[in-house]
Structures are given as C-alpha cells and as structure tokens.
Amino acid sequence: MVLLTTTEVAKAAIHGYLASHADHQKDDSLGQRLERLEKVSLDGPVEHADLIAISKSAGKDKNSTKTRQCRLDTLLRGATVYQPPPPPKPEPVSEMEVAHANAVLDTNHVHHSLPNIKH
C-alpha cells in the first residue's frame, strides 16, 4: 500500500466518485473504499490503489471530459509520497520534577536495602 498526497484534481475526482456511488451499501470492499475516501482531505493521504480504482471507474464512463480529468496520470500529477507528520515532542521536564523523582527513587532504594531488624 502506497500512500500519496491528495492534490486538488484528485480531491475533485474523489468527490465525483463518491457522488456516483452514494447509494452503495458499505458492507463490502467497495464500501470500505468509499469510507476511506470520505475521510480524504487536501494534502492528506490517499491510497494509490484508490486512485487507480477511480481512474478505472471513470474510464467506463462515456463522458470524455470526466474520463480525461480522471486519467491516472492526471490524478497522480503533483502528488508525492505521503510523509506523516512527526509525533509530538514530549513535554520538557523541569529540574524540580527530576529532583523529586530521584528523591523518591532514592527513598525507595534505601527503604528496601535496610536489613529487617527485630527487637
């Protein structure tokens, strides 16, 4: 599975594809594709296989303008491999929090290392 960035042309083609399949039941592989495509946003990820399916679907239509706009090479023009954003950086830890954590660890270590003395 290759994820690509969604271009304006691809987004428009996706919108048309969804409109042409609006009455489809969403309990099969086409339904799963439609659910994925409903969530696609501009510059967001889209599966290469989904763009291929859109292109093939438009090729069956006799409307030459739609067919030309949904050719695979047109849908892919300007798209790049999708790179997800980096994960958020962890919150910085203050010196006071580090000192407190170390003190707790030291206290636990000392408590567990004392011999058990009975009087």
C-alpha atoms as a PDB file:
ATOM      1  CA  MET A   1       0.000   0.000   0.000  1.00  0.00           C
ATOM      2  CA  VAL A   2       1.458   3.296  -1.137  1.00  0.00           C
ATOM      3  CA  LEU A   3       0.082   6.491   0.345  1.00  0.00           C
ATOM      4  CA  LEU A   4       0.227   9.655  -1.752  1.00  0.00           C
ATOM      5  CA  THR A   5      -0.662  13.260  -1.011  1.00  0.00           C
ATOM      6  CA  THR A   6      -4.071  14.303  -2.277  1.00  0.00           C
ATOM      7  CA  THR A   7      -3.973  17.015  -4.933  1.00  0.00           C
ATOM      8  CA  GLU A   8      -6.872  19.319  -5.832  1.00  0.00           C
ATOM      9  CA  VAL A   9      -7.506  17.326  -9.024  1.00  0.00           C
ATOM     10  CA  ALA A  10      -7.546  14.030  -7.095  1.00  0.00           C
ATOM     11  CA  LYS A  11      -9.836  15.529  -4.435  1.00  0.00           C
ATOM     12  CA  ALA A  12     -12.301  16.634  -7.140  1.00  0.00           C
ATOM     13  CA  ALA A  13     -12.190  13.169  -8.726  1.00  0.00           C
ATOM     14  CA  ILE A  14     -12.759  11.561  -5.318  1.00  0.00           C
ATOM     15  CA  HIS A  15     -15.762  13.839  -4.767  1.00  0.00           C
ATOM     16  CA  GLY A  16     -17.224  12.765  -8.128  1.00  0.00           C
ATOM     17  CA  TYR A  17     -16.516   9.104  -7.411  1.00  0.00           C
ATOM     18  CA  LEU A  18     -18.270   9.334  -4.054  1.00  0.00           C
ATOM     19  CA  ALA A  19     -21.254  11.083  -5.634  1.00  0.00           C
ATOM     20  CA  SER A  20     -21.594   8.362  -8.269  1.00  0.00           C
ATOM     21  CA  HIS A  21     -21.570   5.656  -5.561  1.00  0.00           C
ATOM     22  CA  ALA A  22     -23.716   7.482  -2.984  1.00  0.00           C
ATOM     23  CA  ASP A  23     -26.394   4.778  -2.895  1.00  0.00           C
ATOM     24  CA  HIS A  24     -23.959   1.878  -2.469  1.00  0.00           C
ATOM     25  CA  GLN A  25     -24.155  -0.325   0.631  1.00  0.00           C
ATOM     26  CA  LYS A  26     -20.950  -0.081   2.679  1.00  0.00           C
ATOM     27  CA  ASP A  27     -20.513  -3.722   3.630  1.00  0.00           C
ATOM     28  CA  ASP A  28     -18.005  -4.904   1.013  1.00  0.00           C
ATOM     29  CA  SER A  29     -14.604  -3.864  -0.344  1.00  0.00           C
ATOM     30  CA  LEU A  30     -16.130  -1.038  -2.402  1.00  0.00           C
ATOM     31  CA  GLY A  31     -17.916   0.135   0.716  1.00  0.00           C
ATOM     32  CA  GLN A  32     -14.646   0.138   2.642  1.00  0.00           C
ATOM     33  CA  ARG A  33     -13.023   2.138  -0.165  1.00  0.00           C
ATOM     34  CA  LEU A  34     -15.866   4.663  -0.060  1.00  0.00           C
ATOM     35  CA  GLU A  35     -15.492   5.063   3.711  1.00  0.00           C
ATOM     36  CA  ARG A  36     -11.740   5.674   3.310  1.00  0.00           C
ATOM     37  CA  LEU A  37     -12.292   8.194   0.530  1.00  0.00           C
ATOM     38  CA  GLU A  38     -14.879  10.128   2.555  1.00  0.00           C
ATOM     39  CA  LYS A  39     -12.107  10.948   5.044  1.00  0.00           C
ATOM     40  CA  VAL A  40      -9.548  12.160   2.464  1.00  0.00           C
ATOM     41  CA  SER A  41      -8.511  15.798   2.756  1.00  0.00           C
ATOM     42  CA  LEU A  42      -6.392  18.047   0.557  1.00  0.00           C
ATOM     43  CA  ASP A  43      -2.682  17.190   1.059  1.00  0.00           C
ATOM     44  CA  GLY A  44      -3.762  14.273   3.256  1.00  0.00           C
ATOM     45  CA  PRO A  45      -3.016  10.638   2.455  1.00  0.00           C
ATOM     46  CA  VAL A  46      -4.814   8.695  -0.262  1.00  0.00           C
ATOM     47  CA  GLU A  47      -4.065   5.140  -1.328  1.00  0.00           C
ATOM     48  CA  HIS A  48      -2.601   4.684  -4.793  1.00  0.00           C
ATOM     49  CA  ALA A  49      -4.957   1.722  -5.300  1.00  0.00           C
ATOM     50  CA  ASP A  50      -7.942   4.011  -4.642  1.00  0.00           C
ATOM     51  CA  LEU A  51      -6.785   6.446  -7.332  1.00  0.00           C
ATOM     52  CA  ILE A  52      -6.421   3.516  -9.742  1.00  0.00           C
ATOM     53  CA  ALA A  53      -9.986   2.417  -8.948  1.00  0.00           C
ATOM     54  CA  ILE A  54     -11.297   5.961  -9.528  1.00  0.00           C
ATOM     55  CA  SER A  55      -9.468   6.145 -12.845  1.00  0.00           C
ATOM     56  CA  LYS A  56     -10.817   2.775 -13.995  1.00  0.00           C
ATOM     57  CA  SER A  57     -14.328   3.720 -12.945  1.00  0.00           C
ATOM     58  CA  ALA A  58     -14.166   6.985 -14.895  1.00  0.00           C
ATOM     59  CA  GLY A  59     -12.801   5.141 -17.945  1.00  0.00           C
ATOM     60  CA  LYS A  60     -16.075   3.212 -18.162  1.00  0.00           C
ATOM     61  CA  ASP A  61     -17.996   6.491 -18.460  1.00  0.00           C
ATOM     62  CA  LYS A  62     -18.513   7.759 -21.994  1.00  0.00           C
ATOM     63  CA  ASN A  63     -18.217  11.396 -20.862  1.00  0.00           C
ATOM     64  CA  SER A  64     -14.852  12.279 -22.405  1.00  0.00           C
ATOM     65  CA  THR A  65     -14.236  15.301 -20.138  1.00  0.00           C
ATOM     66  CA  LYS A  66     -14.702  13.234 -16.992  1.00  0.00           C
ATOM     67  CA  THR A  67     -12.573  10.421 -18.440  1.00  0.00           C
ATOM     68  CA  ARG A  68      -9.771  12.852 -19.284  1.00  0.00           C
ATOM     69  CA  GLN A  69      -9.902  14.504 -15.826  1.00  0.00           C
ATOM     70  CA  CYS A  70      -9.764  11.120 -14.089  1.00  0.00           C
ATOM     71  CA  ARG A  71      -6.973   9.502 -16.060  1.00  0.00           C
ATOM     72  CA  LEU A  72      -4.438   8.027 -13.680  1.00  0.00           C
ATOM     73  CA  ASP A  73      -1.610  10.224 -14.936  1.00  0.00           C
ATOM     74  CA  THR A  74      -3.806  13.290 -14.295  1.00  0.00           C
ATOM     75  CA  LEU A  75      -4.711  12.134 -10.790  1.00  0.00           C
ATOM     76  CA  LEU A  76      -1.068  11.478  -9.939  1.00  0.00           C
ATOM     77  CA  ARG A  77       0.314  14.754 -11.347  1.00  0.00           C
ATOM     78  CA  GLY A  78       1.704  16.802  -8.459  1.00  0.00           C
ATOM     79  CA  ALA A  79       1.217  14.054  -5.875  1.00  0.00           C
ATOM     80  CA  THR A  80       4.130  12.961  -3.718  1.00  0.00           C
ATOM     81  CA  VAL A  81       4.661  10.064  -1.373  1.00  0.00           C
ATOM     82  CA  TYR A  82       2.800  10.935   1.815  1.00  0.00           C
ATOM     83  CA  GLN A  83       5.001  11.533   4.840  1.00  0.00           C
ATOM     84  CA  PRO A  84       3.004  11.551   8.084  1.00  0.00           C
ATOM     85  CA  PRO A  85       3.796  14.435  10.427  1.00  0.00           C
ATOM     86  CA  PRO A  86       6.354  13.659  13.122  1.00  0.00           C
ATOM     87  CA  PRO A  87       4.972  12.653  16.509  1.00  0.00           C
ATOM     88  CA  PRO A  88       4.663  15.491  19.011  1.00  0.00           C
ATOM     89  CA  LYS A  89       7.702  16.137  21.141  1.00  0.00           C
ATOM     90  CA  PRO A  90       7.396  15.111  24.781  1.00  0.00           C
ATOM     91  CA  GLU A  91       6.790  17.855  27.286  1.00  0.00           C
ATOM     92  CA  PRO A  92      10.014  19.175  28.787  1.00  0.00           C
ATOM     93  CA  VAL A  93      10.634  18.047  32.355  1.00  0.00           C
ATOM     94  CA  SER A  94      11.663  20.697  34.856  1.00  0.00           C
ATOM     95  CA  GLU A  95      14.698  20.261  37.096  1.00  0.00           C
ATOM     96  CA  MET A  96      12.406  20.232  40.110  1.00  0.00           C
ATOM     97  CA  GLU A  97      10.416  17.271  38.742  1.00  0.00           C
ATOM     98  CA  VAL A  98      13.640  15.373  38.027  1.00  0.00           C
ATOM     99  CA  ALA A  99      14.952  16.079  41.529  1.00  0.00           C
ATOM    100  CA  HIS A 100      11.659  14.918  43.070  1.00  0.00           C
ATOM    101  CA  ALA A 101      11.645  11.707  41.011  1.00  0.00           C
ATOM    102  CA  ASN A 102      15.250  10.975  42.008  1.00  0.00           C
ATOM    103  CA  ALA A 103      14.454  11.603  45.685  1.00  0.00           C
ATOM    104  CA  VAL A 104      11.531   9.167  45.518  1.00  0.00           C
ATOM    105  CA  LEU A 105      13.727   6.550  43.874  1.00  0.00           C
ATOM    106  CA  ASP A 106      16.481   7.066  46.460  1.00  0.00           C
ATOM    107  CA  THR A 107      13.969   6.766  49.326  1.00  0.00           C
ATOM    108  CA  ASN A 108      12.576   3.526  47.918  1.00  0.00           C
ATOM    109  CA  HIS A 109      16.060   2.155  47.357  1.00  0.00           C
ATOM    110  CA  VAL A 110      17.195   2.967  50.927  1.00  0.00           C
ATOM    111  CA  HIS A 111      13.987   1.558  52.434  1.00  0.00           C
ATOM    112  CA  HIS A 112      14.367  -1.741  50.584  1.00  0.00           C
ATOM    113  CA  SER A 113      18.079  -2.079  51.306  1.00  0.00           C
ATOM    114  CA  LEU A 114      17.776  -1.768  55.124  1.00  0.00           C
ATOM    115  CA  PRO A 115      18.079  -5.085  56.933  1.00  0.00           C
ATOM    116  CA  ASN A 116      14.999  -6.341  58.695  1.00  0.00           C
ATOM    117  CA  ILE A 117      15.889  -5.964  62.397  1.00  0.00           C
ATOM    118  CA  LYS A 118      13.628  -7.434  65.085  1.00  0.00           C
ATOM    119  CA  HIS A 119      13.887  -6.358  68.712  1.00  0.00           C
END
